[in-house]
Amino acid sequence: MELPERNKLFRQIMWDYNIPVADIEALLSGSNNKAGHYNRSTLFQKILESYSWFTILNVFTPDEIKSLLTEDVIRGLRTPSLKKKYEFVKKRLQEIIPYTG
């Protein structure tokens, strides 16, 4: 995803907060631990609840998704259908992306 599109997406996700896009980028890149009251997990969770899988794949690499898609993030999703969907995604990513840690 090109930077202008990415910035637009981050402005849309933060429509209810005055958090600069640069802070969101810094958080997701690992440069900062917080953007407003969000940490990486809570921001990723908000993105999962707000955007399609196609959009998520345009923002994050499969490796980033595998790293961010934790049991806590899945448990924190609001709807049972999203929890089920991302439990499946987590399982599939574990099967197709080897552990490199």
Protein backbone atom coordinates (compact mmCIF):
# COMPACT_ATOMS: atom_id res chain seq x y z
CA MET A 1 0.00 0.00 0.00
CA GLU A 2 1.34 3.40 -0.98
CA LEU A 3 2.09 5.89 1.78
CA PRO A 4 -0.77 8.33 0.96
CA GLU A 5 -3.30 5.46 1.06
CA ARG A 6 -1.78 4.14 4.27
CA ASN A 7 -1.94 7.60 5.88
CA LYS A 8 -5.57 7.96 4.81
CA LEU A 9 -6.39 4.58 6.34
CA PHE A 10 -4.70 5.55 9.63
CA ARG A 11 -6.55 8.88 9.72
CA GLN A 12 -9.81 6.99 9.17
CA ILE A 13 -9.07 4.47 11.91
CA MET A 14 -8.35 7.33 14.32
CA TRP A 15 -11.38 9.42 13.37
CA ASP A 16 -12.36 9.55 17.04
CA TYR A 17 -8.91 10.48 18.42
CA ASN A 18 -6.42 13.19 17.62
CA ILE A 19 -3.44 10.87 17.14
CA PRO A 20 -0.98 11.93 14.43
CA VAL A 21 -0.37 9.47 11.60
CA ALA A 22 3.38 9.72 12.28
CA ASP A 23 2.78 8.37 15.80
CA ILE A 24 0.83 5.44 14.41
CA GLU A 25 3.58 4.67 11.90
CA ALA A 26 6.20 4.88 14.67
CA LEU A 27 4.18 2.53 16.84
CA LEU A 28 3.71 -0.04 14.08
CA SER A 29 7.36 0.14 13.05
CA GLY A 30 8.47 -0.43 16.63
CA SER A 31 10.03 3.03 17.08
CA ASN A 32 7.49 3.97 19.76
CA ASN A 33 5.64 1.91 22.36
CA LYS A 34 2.48 4.04 22.27
CA ALA A 35 0.38 6.16 19.94
CA GLY A 36 -2.07 7.98 22.14
CA HIS A 37 -3.46 5.30 24.45
CA TYR A 38 -2.82 2.48 21.93
CA ASN A 39 -0.02 -0.05 21.99
CA ARG A 40 0.78 -2.30 18.99
CA SER A 41 -1.66 -5.01 20.08
CA THR A 42 -4.62 -2.75 20.74
CA LEU A 43 -4.07 -0.80 17.52
CA PHE A 44 -3.79 -4.02 15.51
CA GLN A 45 -6.99 -5.26 17.15
CA LYS A 46 -8.79 -2.04 16.19
CA ILE A 47 -7.59 -2.45 12.60
CA LEU A 48 -8.78 -6.08 12.50
CA GLU A 49 -12.22 -4.98 13.66
CA SER A 50 -12.43 -2.13 11.16
CA TYR A 51 -10.99 -3.33 7.86
CA SER A 52 -11.21 -6.23 5.44
CA TRP A 53 -8.60 -8.95 5.27
CA PHE A 54 -7.50 -7.59 1.87
CA THR A 55 -6.80 -4.16 3.40
CA ILE A 56 -4.94 -5.72 6.33
CA LEU A 57 -2.70 -7.63 3.89
CA ASN A 58 -1.93 -4.36 2.14
CA VAL A 59 -0.83 -2.73 5.41
CA PHE A 60 1.00 -5.60 7.11
CA THR A 61 3.22 -8.40 5.84
CA PRO A 62 2.21 -11.97 6.65
CA ASP A 63 5.13 -12.12 9.11
CA GLU A 64 3.90 -8.98 10.88
CA ILE A 65 0.39 -10.38 11.04
CA LYS A 66 1.69 -13.66 12.44
CA SER A 67 3.59 -11.75 15.12
CA LEU A 68 0.73 -9.39 16.01
CA LEU A 69 -2.09 -11.94 15.88
CA THR A 70 -1.77 -13.22 19.43
CA GLU A 71 -4.27 -15.10 21.56
CA ASP A 72 -4.87 -11.88 23.55
CA VAL A 73 -5.68 -9.93 20.38
CA ILE A 74 -8.07 -12.64 19.18
CA ARG A 75 -9.71 -12.89 22.61
CA GLY A 76 -10.19 -9.10 22.62
CA LEU A 77 -12.12 -9.02 19.33
CA ARG A 78 -15.72 -7.97 19.84
CA THR A 79 -17.62 -10.49 17.77
CA PRO A 80 -17.51 -14.29 17.87
CA SER A 81 -17.36 -14.44 14.06
CA LEU A 82 -14.20 -12.31 13.96
CA LYS A 83 -12.65 -14.40 16.72
CA LYS A 84 -13.34 -17.56 14.75
CA LYS A 85 -12.03 -16.01 11.52
CA TYR A 86 -8.76 -14.86 13.07
CA GLU A 87 -8.23 -18.09 15.01
CA PHE A 88 -8.29 -19.79 11.61
CA VAL A 89 -5.93 -17.18 10.13
CA LYS A 90 -3.52 -17.60 13.05
CA LYS A 91 -3.50 -21.38 12.62
CA ARG A 92 -2.89 -21.13 8.86
CA LEU A 93 -0.09 -18.59 9.27
CA GLN A 94 1.61 -20.88 11.79
CA GLU A 95 1.41 -23.70 9.26
CA ILE A 96 2.76 -21.78 6.26
CA ILE A 97 5.29 -19.39 7.84
CA PRO A 98 8.13 -21.16 9.61
CA TYR A 99 9.17 -20.05 13.09
CA THR A 100 12.34 -17.95 12.82
CA GLY A 101 12.74 -16.79 16.45
